[in-house]
mmCIF file of all heavy atoms, coordinates in Angstrom:
data_MODEL
# 
_entry.id   MODEL 
# 
loop_
_atom_site.group_PDB 
_atom_site.id 
_atom_site.type_symbol 
_atom_site.label_atom_id 
_atom_site.label_alt_id 
_atom_site.label_comp_id 
_atom_site.label_asym_id 
_atom_site.label_entity_id 
_atom_site.label_seq_id 
_atom_site.pdbx_PDB_ins_code 
_atom_site.Cartn_x 
_atom_site.Cartn_y 
_atom_site.Cartn_z 
_atom_site.occupancy 
_atom_site.B_iso_or_equiv 
_atom_site.pdbx_formal_charge 
_atom_site.auth_seq_id 
_atom_site.auth_comp_id 
_atom_site.auth_asym_id 
_atom_site.auth_atom_id 
_atom_site.pdbx_PDB_model_num 
ATOM 1   N N   . ALA A 1 1  ? 23.063 3.294  0.063  1.00 0.00 ? 1  ALA A N   1 
ATOM 2   C CA  . ALA A 1 1  ? 23.085 2.445  -1.133 1.00 0.00 ? 1  ALA A CA  1 
ATOM 3   C C   . ALA A 1 1  ? 22.377 1.118  -0.875 1.00 0.00 ? 1  ALA A C   1 
ATOM 4   O O   . ALA A 1 1  ? 21.563 0.657  -1.692 1.00 0.00 ? 1  ALA A O   1 
ATOM 5   C CB  . ALA A 1 1  ? 24.521 2.209  -1.592 1.00 0.00 ? 1  ALA A CB  1 
ATOM 6   N N   . ALA A 1 2  ? 22.652 0.499  0.271  1.00 0.00 ? 2  ALA A N   1 
ATOM 7   C CA  . ALA A 1 2  ? 22.021 -0.778 0.599  1.00 0.00 ? 2  ALA A CA  1 
ATOM 8   C C   . ALA A 1 2  ? 20.528 -0.596 0.853  1.00 0.00 ? 2  ALA A C   1 
ATOM 9   O O   . ALA A 1 2  ? 19.715 -1.453 0.480  1.00 0.00 ? 2  ALA A O   1 
ATOM 10  C CB  . ALA A 1 2  ? 22.705 -1.392 1.819  1.00 0.00 ? 2  ALA A CB  1 
ATOM 11  N N   . PHE A 1 3  ? 20.146 0.513  1.489  1.00 0.00 ? 3  PHE A N   1 
ATOM 12  C CA  . PHE A 1 3  ? 18.735 0.795  1.744  1.00 0.00 ? 3  PHE A CA  1 
ATOM 13  C C   . PHE A 1 3  ? 17.967 0.903  0.434  1.00 0.00 ? 3  PHE A C   1 
ATOM 14  O O   . PHE A 1 3  ? 16.897 0.296  0.261  1.00 0.00 ? 3  PHE A O   1 
ATOM 15  C CB  . PHE A 1 3  ? 18.608 2.089  2.546  1.00 0.00 ? 3  PHE A CB  1 
ATOM 16  C CG  . PHE A 1 3  ? 17.190 2.474  2.887  1.00 0.00 ? 3  PHE A CG  1 
ATOM 17  C CD1 . PHE A 1 3  ? 16.644 2.108  4.108  1.00 0.00 ? 3  PHE A CD1 1 
ATOM 18  C CD2 . PHE A 1 3  ? 16.419 3.205  2.003  1.00 0.00 ? 3  PHE A CD2 1 
ATOM 19  C CE1 . PHE A 1 3  ? 15.336 2.464  4.435  1.00 0.00 ? 3  PHE A CE1 1 
ATOM 20  C CE2 . PHE A 1 3  ? 15.112 3.555  2.316  1.00 0.00 ? 3  PHE A CE2 1 
ATOM 21  C CZ  . PHE A 1 3  ? 14.567 3.193  3.533  1.00 0.00 ? 3  PHE A CZ  1 
ATOM 22  N N   . MET A 1 4  ? 18.502 1.674  -0.515 1.00 0.00 ? 4  MET A N   1 
ATOM 23  C CA  . MET A 1 4  ? 17.799 1.868  -1.786 1.00 0.00 ? 4  MET A CA  1 
ATOM 24  C C   . MET A 1 4  ? 17.765 0.586  -2.609 1.00 0.00 ? 4  MET A C   1 
ATOM 25  O O   . MET A 1 4  ? 16.781 0.315  -3.311 1.00 0.00 ? 4  MET A O   1 
ATOM 26  C CB  . MET A 1 4  ? 18.441 3.010  -2.573 1.00 0.00 ? 4  MET A CB  1 
ATOM 27  C CG  . MET A 1 4  ? 18.289 4.374  -1.914 1.00 0.00 ? 4  MET A CG  1 
ATOM 28  S SD  . MET A 1 4  ? 16.573 4.796  -1.483 1.00 0.00 ? 4  MET A SD  1 
ATOM 29  C CE  . MET A 1 4  ? 15.799 4.768  -3.115 1.00 0.00 ? 4  MET A CE  1 
ATOM 30  N N   . LEU A 1 5  ? 18.815 -0.212 -2.525 1.00 0.00 ? 5  LEU A N   1 
ATOM 31  C CA  . LEU A 1 5  ? 18.820 -1.495 -3.233 1.00 0.00 ? 5  LEU A CA  1 
ATOM 32  C C   . LEU A 1 5  ? 17.708 -2.396 -2.700 1.00 0.00 ? 5  LEU A C   1 
ATOM 33  O O   . LEU A 1 5  ? 16.968 -3.015 -3.474 1.00 0.00 ? 5  LEU A O   1 
ATOM 34  C CB  . LEU A 1 5  ? 20.176 -2.178 -3.065 1.00 0.00 ? 5  LEU A CB  1 
ATOM 35  C CG  . LEU A 1 5  ? 20.355 -3.520 -3.796 1.00 0.00 ? 5  LEU A CG  1 
ATOM 36  C CD1 . LEU A 1 5  ? 20.228 -3.328 -5.303 1.00 0.00 ? 5  LEU A CD1 1 
ATOM 37  C CD2 . LEU A 1 5  ? 21.716 -4.127 -3.456 1.00 0.00 ? 5  LEU A CD2 1 
ATOM 38  N N   . ALA A 1 6  ? 17.554 -2.440 -1.393 1.00 0.00 ? 6  ALA A N   1 
ATOM 39  C CA  . ALA A 1 6  ? 16.490 -3.246 -0.801 1.00 0.00 ? 6  ALA A CA  1 
ATOM 40  C C   . ALA A 1 6  ? 15.116 -2.661 -1.106 1.00 0.00 ? 6  ALA A C   1 
ATOM 41  O O   . ALA A 1 6  ? 14.146 -3.396 -1.311 1.00 0.00 ? 6  ALA A O   1 
ATOM 42  C CB  . ALA A 1 6  ? 16.704 -3.358 0.709  1.00 0.00 ? 6  ALA A CB  1 
ATOM 43  N N   . ALA A 1 7  ? 15.025 -1.343 -1.166 1.00 0.00 ? 7  ALA A N   1 
ATOM 44  C CA  . ALA A 1 7  ? 13.737 -0.689 -1.401 1.00 0.00 ? 7  ALA A CA  1 
ATOM 45  C C   . ALA A 1 7  ? 13.217 -0.933 -2.814 1.00 0.00 ? 7  ALA A C   1 
ATOM 46  O O   . ALA A 1 7  ? 12.002 -0.942 -3.038 1.00 0.00 ? 7  ALA A O   1 
ATOM 47  C CB  . ALA A 1 7  ? 13.869 0.815  -1.151 1.00 0.00 ? 7  ALA A CB  1 
ATOM 48  N N   . ARG A 1 8  ? 14.127 -1.134 -3.768 1.00 0.00 ? 8  ARG A N   1 
ATOM 49  C CA  . ARG A 1 8  ? 13.700 -1.326 -5.158 1.00 0.00 ? 8  ARG A CA  1 
ATOM 50  C C   . ARG A 1 8  ? 12.813 -2.555 -5.331 1.00 0.00 ? 8  ARG A C   1 
ATOM 51  O O   . ARG A 1 8  ? 12.021 -2.639 -6.271 1.00 0.00 ? 8  ARG A O   1 
ATOM 52  C CB  . ARG A 1 8  ? 14.920 -1.442 -6.071 1.00 0.00 ? 8  ARG A CB  1 
ATOM 53  C CG  . ARG A 1 8  ? 15.688 -0.151 -6.249 1.00 0.00 ? 8  ARG A CG  1 
ATOM 54  C CD  . ARG A 1 8  ? 16.702 -0.246 -7.376 1.00 0.00 ? 8  ARG A CD  1 
ATOM 55  N NE  . ARG A 1 8  ? 17.554 0.930  -7.419 1.00 0.00 ? 8  ARG A NE  1 
ATOM 56  C CZ  . ARG A 1 8  ? 18.810 0.967  -6.975 1.00 0.00 ? 8  ARG A CZ  1 
ATOM 57  N NH1 . ARG A 1 8  ? 19.359 -0.118 -6.466 1.00 0.00 ? 8  ARG A NH1 1 
ATOM 58  N NH2 . ARG A 1 8  ? 19.517 2.070  -7.042 1.00 0.00 ? 8  ARG A NH2 1 
ATOM 59  N N   . ALA A 1 9  ? 12.934 -3.509 -4.443 1.00 0.00 ? 9  ALA A N   1 
ATOM 60  C CA  . ALA A 1 9  ? 12.138 -4.738 -4.543 1.00 0.00 ? 9  ALA A CA  1 
ATOM 61  C C   . ALA A 1 9  ? 10.762 -4.586 -3.898 1.00 0.00 ? 9  ALA A C   1 
ATOM 62  O O   . ALA A 1 9  ? 9.949  -5.507 -3.962 1.00 0.00 ? 9  ALA A O   1 
ATOM 63  C CB  . ALA A 1 9  ? 12.892 -5.894 -3.889 1.00 0.00 ? 9  ALA A CB  1 
ATOM 64  N N   . GLU A 1 10 ? 10.501 -3.445 -3.274 1.00 0.00 ? 10 GLU A N   1 
ATOM 65  C CA  . GLU A 1 10 ? 9.242  -3.227 -2.574 1.00 0.00 ? 10 GLU A CA  1 
ATOM 66  C C   . GLU A 1 10 ? 8.582  -1.962 -3.115 1.00 0.00 ? 10 GLU A C   1 
ATOM 67  O O   . GLU A 1 10 ? 8.966  -0.854 -2.762 1.00 0.00 ? 10 GLU A O   1 
ATOM 68  C CB  . GLU A 1 10 ? 9.483  -3.090 -1.065 1.00 0.00 ? 10 GLU A CB  1 
ATOM 69  C CG  . GLU A 1 10 ? 10.112 -4.307 -0.406 1.00 0.00 ? 10 GLU A CG  1 
ATOM 70  C CD  . GLU A 1 10 ? 9.148  -5.485 -0.350 1.00 0.00 ? 10 GLU A CD  1 
ATOM 71  O OE1 . GLU A 1 10 ? 7.917  -5.263 -0.342 1.00 0.00 ? 10 GLU A OE1 1 
ATOM 72  O OE2 . GLU A 1 10 ? 9.641  -6.635 -0.314 1.00 0.00 ? 10 GLU A OE2 1 
ATOM 73  N N   . ALA A 1 11 ? 7.578  -2.145 -4.007 1.00 0.00 ? 11 ALA A N   1 
ATOM 74  C CA  . ALA A 1 11 ? 6.961  -0.998 -4.675 1.00 0.00 ? 11 ALA A CA  1 
ATOM 75  C C   . ALA A 1 11 ? 6.364  -0.015 -3.671 1.00 0.00 ? 11 ALA A C   1 
ATOM 76  O O   . ALA A 1 11 ? 6.482  1.204  -3.828 1.00 0.00 ? 11 ALA A O   1 
ATOM 77  C CB  . ALA A 1 11 ? 5.875  -1.478 -5.644 1.00 0.00 ? 11 ALA A CB  1 
ATOM 78  N N   . GLY A 1 12 ? 5.719  -0.539 -2.627 1.00 0.00 ? 12 GLY A N   1 
ATOM 79  C CA  . GLY A 1 12 ? 5.111  0.348  -1.640 1.00 0.00 ? 12 GLY A CA  1 
ATOM 80  C C   . GLY A 1 12 ? 6.142  1.195  -0.924 1.00 0.00 ? 12 GLY A C   1 
ATOM 81  O O   . GLY A 1 12 ? 5.918  2.378  -0.664 1.00 0.00 ? 12 GLY A O   1 
ATOM 82  N N   . LEU A 1 13 ? 7.263  0.606  -0.595 1.00 0.00 ? 13 LEU A N   1 
ATOM 83  C CA  . LEU A 1 13 ? 8.321  1.339  0.096  1.00 0.00 ? 13 LEU A CA  1 
ATOM 84  C C   . LEU A 1 13 ? 8.951  2.361  -0.836 1.00 0.00 ? 13 LEU A C   1 
ATOM 85  O O   . LEU A 1 13 ? 9.219  3.509  -0.431 1.00 0.00 ? 13 LEU A O   1 
ATOM 86  C CB  . LEU A 1 13 ? 9.387  0.374  0.613  1.00 0.00 ? 13 LEU A CB  1 
ATOM 87  C CG  . LEU A 1 13 ? 10.629 1.004  1.244  1.00 0.00 ? 13 LEU A CG  1 
ATOM 88  C CD1 . LEU A 1 13 ? 10.251 1.947  2.373  1.00 0.00 ? 13 LEU A CD1 1 
ATOM 89  C CD2 . LEU A 1 13 ? 11.576 -0.068 1.747  1.00 0.00 ? 13 LEU A CD2 1 
ATOM 90  N N   . LEU A 1 14 ? 9.181  1.979  -2.074 1.00 0.00 ? 14 LEU A N   1 
ATOM 91  C CA  . LEU A 1 14 ? 9.780  2.908  -3.022 1.00 0.00 ? 14 LEU A CA  1 
ATOM 92  C C   . LEU A 1 14 ? 8.878  4.124  -3.217 1.00 0.00 ? 14 LEU A C   1 
ATOM 93  O O   . LEU A 1 14 ? 9.346  5.264  -3.303 1.00 0.00 ? 14 LEU A O   1 
ATOM 94  C CB  . LEU A 1 14 ? 10.024 2.202  -4.360 1.00 0.00 ? 14 LEU A CB  1 
ATOM 95  C CG  . LEU A 1 14 ? 11.126 2.768  -5.247 1.00 0.00 ? 14 LEU A CG  1 
ATOM 96  C CD1 . LEU A 1 14 ? 12.451 2.832  -4.500 1.00 0.00 ? 14 LEU A CD1 1 
ATOM 97  C CD2 . LEU A 1 14 ? 11.274 1.934  -6.509 1.00 0.00 ? 14 LEU A CD2 1 
ATOM 98  N N   . ASN A 1 15 ? 7.563  3.896  -3.257 1.00 0.00 ? 15 ASN A N   1 
ATOM 99  C CA  . ASN A 1 15 ? 6.619  5.005  -3.380 1.00 0.00 ? 15 ASN A CA  1 
ATOM 100 C C   . ASN A 1 15 ? 6.666  5.909  -2.149 1.00 0.00 ? 15 ASN A C   1 
ATOM 101 O O   . ASN A 1 15 ? 6.629  7.137  -2.262 1.00 0.00 ? 15 ASN A O   1 
ATOM 102 C CB  . ASN A 1 15 ? 5.206  4.476  -3.571 1.00 0.00 ? 15 ASN A CB  1 
ATOM 103 C CG  . ASN A 1 15 ? 4.189  5.589  -3.760 1.00 0.00 ? 15 ASN A CG  1 
ATOM 104 O OD1 . ASN A 1 15 ? 4.223  6.327  -4.736 1.00 0.00 ? 15 ASN A OD1 1 
ATOM 105 N ND2 . ASN A 1 15 ? 3.279  5.723  -2.804 1.00 0.00 ? 15 ASN A ND2 1 
ATOM 106 N N   . GLU A 1 16 ? 6.775  5.308  -0.959 1.00 0.00 ? 16 GLU A N   1 
ATOM 107 C CA  . GLU A 1 16 ? 6.867  6.092  0.278  1.00 0.00 ? 16 GLU A CA  1 
ATOM 108 C C   . GLU A 1 16 ? 8.121  6.968  0.274  1.00 0.00 ? 16 GLU A C   1 
ATOM 109 O O   . GLU A 1 16 ? 8.069  8.158  0.619  1.00 0.00 ? 16 GLU A O   1 
ATOM 110 C CB  . GLU A 1 16 ? 6.883  5.156  1.488  1.00 0.00 ? 16 GLU A CB  1 
ATOM 111 C CG  . GLU A 1 16 ? 7.087  5.848  2.830  1.00 0.00 ? 16 GLU A CG  1 
ATOM 112 C CD  . GLU A 1 16 ? 5.911  6.680  3.276  1.00 0.00 ? 16 GLU A CD  1 
ATOM 113 O OE1 . GLU A 1 16 ? 4.788  6.436  2.779  1.00 0.00 ? 16 GLU A OE1 1 
ATOM 114 O OE2 . GLU A 1 16 ? 6.096  7.581  4.119  1.00 0.00 ? 16 GLU A OE2 1 
ATOM 115 N N   . VAL A 1 17 ? 9.234  6.386  -0.126 1.00 0.00 ? 17 VAL A N   1 
ATOM 116 C CA  . VAL A 1 17 ? 10.482 7.136  -0.184 1.00 0.00 ? 17 VAL A CA  1 
ATOM 117 C C   . VAL A 1 17 ? 10.380 8.274  -1.199 1.00 0.00 ? 17 VAL A C   1 
ATOM 118 O O   . VAL A 1 17 ? 10.821 9.407  -0.951 1.00 0.00 ? 17 VAL A O   1 
ATOM 119 C CB  . VAL A 1 17 ? 11.662 6.206  -0.517 1.00 0.00 ? 17 VAL A CB  1 
ATOM 120 C CG1 . VAL A 1 17 ? 12.945 7.009  -0.769 1.00 0.00 ? 17 VAL A CG1 1 
ATOM 121 C CG2 . VAL A 1 17 ? 11.898 5.205  0.614  1.00 0.00 ? 17 VAL A CG2 1 
ATOM 122 N N   . LEU A 1 18 ? 9.761  8.001  -2.350 1.00 0.00 ? 18 LEU A N   1 
ATOM 123 C CA  . LEU A 1 18 ? 9.603  9.030  -3.381 1.00 0.00 ? 18 LEU A CA  1 
ATOM 124 C C   . LEU A 1 18 ? 8.736  10.175 -2.877 1.00 0.00 ? 18 LEU A C   1 
ATOM 125 O O   . LEU A 1 18 ? 9.073  11.350 -3.074 1.00 0.00 ? 18 LEU A O   1 
ATOM 126 C CB  . LEU A 1 18 ? 8.989  8.413  -4.637 1.00 0.00 ? 18 LEU A CB  1 
ATOM 127 C CG  . LEU A 1 18 ? 8.671  9.397  -5.778 1.00 0.00 ? 18 LEU A CG  1 
ATOM 128 C CD1 . LEU A 1 18 ? 9.924  10.105 -6.254 1.00 0.00 ? 18 LEU A CD1 1 
ATOM 129 C CD2 . LEU A 1 18 ? 7.994  8.657  -6.938 1.00 0.00 ? 18 LEU A CD2 1 
ATOM 130 N N   . GLN A 1 19 ? 7.613  9.856  -2.229 1.00 0.00 ? 19 GLN A N   1 
ATOM 131 C CA  . GLN A 1 19 ? 6.734  10.900 -1.722 1.00 0.00 ? 19 GLN A CA  1 
ATOM 132 C C   . GLN A 1 19 ? 7.440  11.772 -0.698 1.00 0.00 ? 19 GLN A C   1 
ATOM 133 O O   . GLN A 1 19 ? 7.295  13.003 -0.685 1.00 0.00 ? 19 GLN A O   1 
ATOM 134 C CB  . GLN A 1 19 ? 5.472  10.276 -1.118 1.00 0.00 ? 19 GLN A CB  1 
ATOM 135 C CG  . GLN A 1 19 ? 4.546  9.609  -2.133 1.00 0.00 ? 19 GLN A CG  1 
ATOM 136 C CD  . GLN A 1 19 ? 4.078  10.585 -3.213 1.00 0.00 ? 19 GLN A CD  1 
ATOM 137 O OE1 . GLN A 1 19 ? 3.697  11.724 -2.942 1.00 0.00 ? 19 GLN A OE1 1 
ATOM 138 N NE2 . GLN A 1 19 ? 4.129  10.125 -4.457 1.00 0.00 ? 19 GLN A NE2 1 
ATOM 139 N N   . ARG A 1 20 ? 8.230  11.151 0.164  1.00 0.00 ? 20 ARG A N   1 
ATOM 140 C CA  . ARG A 1 20 ? 8.966  11.919 1.158  1.00 0.00 ? 20 ARG A CA  1 
ATOM 141 C C   . ARG A 1 20 ? 10.041 12.774 0.496  1.00 0.00 ? 20 ARG A C   1 
ATOM 142 O O   . ARG A 1 20 ? 10.289 13.920 0.908  1.00 0.00 ? 20 ARG A O   1 
ATOM 143 C CB  . ARG A 1 20 ? 9.582  10.983 2.200  1.00 0.00 ? 20 ARG A CB  1 
ATOM 144 C CG  . ARG A 1 20 ? 8.569  10.406 3.176  1.00 0.00 ? 20 ARG A CG  1 
ATOM 145 C CD  . ARG A 1 20 ? 9.156  9.303  4.025  1.00 0.00 ? 20 ARG A CD  1 
ATOM 146 N NE  . ARG A 1 20 ? 8.211  8.822  5.018  1.00 0.00 ? 20 ARG A NE  1 
ATOM 147 C CZ  . ARG A 1 20 ? 8.131  9.249  6.278  1.00 0.00 ? 20 ARG A CZ  1 
ATOM 148 N NH1 . ARG A 1 20 ? 8.993  10.164 6.714  1.00 0.00 ? 20 ARG A NH1 1 
ATOM 149 N NH2 . ARG A 1 20 ? 7.242  8.769  7.120  1.00 0.00 ? 20 ARG A NH2 1 
ATOM 150 N N   . ALA A 1 21 ? 10.689 12.246 -0.530 1.00 0.00 ? 21 ALA A N   1 
ATOM 151 C CA  . ALA A 1 21 ? 11.707 13.008 -1.250 1.00 0.00 ? 21 ALA A CA  1 
ATOM 152 C C   . ALA A 1 21 ? 11.087 14.222 -1.934 1.00 0.00 ? 21 ALA A C   1 
ATOM 153 O O   . ALA A 1 21 ? 11.683 15.319 -1.944 1.00 0.00 ? 21 ALA A O   1 
ATOM 154 C CB  . ALA A 1 21 ? 12.411 12.118 -2.267 1.00 0.00 ? 21 ALA A CB  1 
ATOM 155 N N   . LEU A 1 22 ? 9.889  14.050 -2.494 1.00 0.00 ? 22 LEU A N   1 
ATOM 156 C CA  . LEU A 1 22 ? 9.218  15.172 -3.153 1.00 0.00 ? 22 LEU A CA  1 
ATOM 157 C C   . LEU A 1 22 ? 8.819  16.248 -2.149 1.00 0.00 ? 22 LEU A C   1 
ATOM 158 O O   . LEU A 1 22 ? 8.939  17.445 -2.430 1.00 0.00 ? 22 LEU A O   1 
ATOM 159 C CB  . LEU A 1 22 ? 7.990  14.671 -3.919 1.00 0.00 ? 22 LEU A CB  1 
ATOM 160 C CG  . LEU A 1 22 ? 8.281  13.832 -5.168 1.00 0.00 ? 22 LEU A CG  1 
ATOM 161 C CD1 . LEU A 1 22 ? 6.987  13.272 -5.752 1.00 0.00 ? 22 LEU A CD1 1 
ATOM 162 C CD2 . LEU A 1 22 ? 9.016  14.661 -6.223 1.00 0.00 ? 22 LEU A CD2 1 
ATOM 163 N N   . ARG A 1 23 ? 8.372  15.834 -0.962 1.00 0.00 ? 23 ARG A N   1 
ATOM 164 C CA  . ARG A 1 23 ? 8.041  16.827 0.066  1.00 0.00 ? 23 ARG A CA  1 
ATOM 165 C C   . ARG A 1 23 ? 9.289  17.580 0.510  1.00 0.00 ? 23 ARG A C   1 
ATOM 166 O O   . ARG A 1 23 ? 9.252  18.798 0.733  1.00 0.00 ? 23 ARG A O   1 
ATOM 167 C CB  . ARG A 1 23 ? 7.357  16.151 1.255  1.00 0.00 ? 23 ARG A CB  1 
ATOM 168 C CG  . ARG A 1 23 ? 5.942  15.669 0.971  1.00 0.00 ? 23 ARG A CG  1 
ATOM 169 C CD  . ARG A 1 23 ? 5.182  15.372 2.252  1.00 0.00 ? 23 ARG A CD  1 
ATOM 170 N NE  . ARG A 1 23 ? 5.704  14.233 2.970  1.00 0.00 ? 23 ARG A NE  1 
ATOM 171 C CZ  . ARG A 1 23 ? 5.316  12.976 2.775  1.00 0.00 ? 23 ARG A CZ  1 
ATOM 172 N NH1 . ARG A 1 23 ? 4.403  12.696 1.848  1.00 0.00 ? 23 ARG A NH1 1 
ATOM 173 N NH2 . ARG A 1 23 ? 5.824  11.991 3.500  1.00 0.00 ? 23 ARG A NH2 1 
ATOM 174 N N   . ALA A 1 24 ? 10.397 16.861 0.642  1.00 0.00 ? 24 ALA A N   1 
ATOM 175 C CA  . ALA A 1 24 ? 11.656 17.515 1.010  1.00 0.00 ? 24 ALA A CA  1 
ATOM 176 C C   . ALA A 1 24 ? 12.097 18.487 -0.084 1.00 0.00 ? 24 ALA A C   1 
ATOM 177 O O   . ALA A 1 24 ? 12.617 19.575 0.210  1.00 0.00 ? 24 ALA A O   1 
ATOM 178 C CB  . ALA A 1 24 ? 12.738 16.472 1.256  1.00 0.00 ? 24 ALA A CB  1 
ATOM 179 N N   . LEU A 1 25 ? 11.884 18.108 -1.349 1.00 0.00 ? 25 LEU A N   1 
ATOM 180 C CA  . LEU A 1 25 ? 12.225 18.996 -2.462 1.00 0.00 ? 25 LEU A CA  1 
ATOM 181 C C   . LEU A 1 25 ? 11.373 20.251 -2.426 1.00 0.00 ? 25 LEU A C   1 
ATOM 182 O O   . LEU A 1 25 ? 11.876 21.370 -2.649 1.00 0.00 ? 25 LEU A O   1 
ATOM 183 C CB  . LEU A 1 25 ? 12.040 18.262 -3.794 1.00 0.00 ? 25 LEU A CB  1 
ATOM 184 C CG  . LEU A 1 25 ? 12.311 19.066 -5.065 1.00 0.00 ? 25 LEU A CG  1 
ATOM 185 C CD1 . LEU A 1 25 ? 13.737 19.596 -5.084 1.00 0.00 ? 25 LEU A CD1 1 
ATOM 186 C CD2 . LEU A 1 25 ? 12.032 18.212 -6.302 1.00 0.00 ? 25 LEU A CD2 1 
ATOM 187 N N   . ASP A 1 26 ? 10.090 20.104 -2.121 1.00 0.00 ? 26 ASP A N   1 
ATOM 188 C CA  . ASP A 1 26 ? 9.214  21.274 -2.005 1.00 0.00 ? 26 ASP A CA  1 
ATOM 189 C C   . ASP A 1 26 ? 9.721  22.219 -0.921 1.00 0.00 ? 26 ASP A C   1 
ATOM 190 O O   . ASP A 1 26 ? 9.740  23.441 -1.102 1.00 0.00 ? 26 ASP A O   1 
ATOM 191 C CB  . ASP A 1 26 ? 7.785  20.833 -1.680 1.00 0.00 ? 26 ASP A CB  1 
ATOM 192 C CG  . ASP A 1 26 ? 7.059  20.238 -2.872 1.00 0.00 ? 26 ASP A CG  1 
ATOM 193 O OD1 . ASP A 1 26 ? 7.524  20.452 -4.013 1.00 0.00 ? 26 ASP A OD1 1 
ATOM 194 O OD2 . ASP A 1 26 ? 6.036  19.554 -2.662 1.00 0.00 ? 26 ASP A OD2 1 
ATOM 195 N N   . ARG A 1 27 ? 10.135 21.660 0.223  1.00 0.00 ? 27 ARG A N   1 
ATOM 196 C CA  . ARG A 1 27 ? 10.645 22.510 1.301  1.00 0.00 ? 27 ARG A CA  1 
ATOM 197 C C   . ARG A 1 27 ? 11.948 23.190 0.898  1.00 0.00 ? 27 ARG A C   1 
ATOM 198 O O   . ARG A 1 27 ? 12.191 24.352 1.256  1.00 0.00 ? 27 ARG A O   1 
ATOM 199 C CB  . ARG A 1 27 ? 10.836 21.684 2.571  1.00 0.00 ? 27 ARG A CB  1 
ATOM 200 C CG  . ARG A 1 27 ? 9.534  21.241 3.227  1.00 0.00 ? 27 ARG A CG  1 
ATOM 201 C CD  . ARG A 1 27 ? 9.740  20.765 4.652  1.00 0.00 ? 27 ARG A CD  1 
ATOM 202 N NE  . ARG A 1 27 ? 10.497 19.534 4.728  1.00 0.00 ? 27 ARG A NE  1 
ATOM 203 C CZ  . ARG A 1 27 ? 9.957  18.320 4.769  1.00 0.00 ? 27 ARG A CZ  1 
ATOM 204 N NH1 . ARG A 1 27 ? 8.646  18.172 4.724  1.00 0.00 ? 27 ARG A NH1 1 
ATOM 205 N NH2 . ARG A 1 27 ? 10.716 17.247 4.871  1.00 0.00 ? 27 ARG A NH2 1 
# 
């Protein structure tokens, strides 16, 4: 929860997390 709260303020990080989540979803 704290990680995602901090990530919301950083567009580049949020995009990185999203891309990794999508790859995990594909797997």
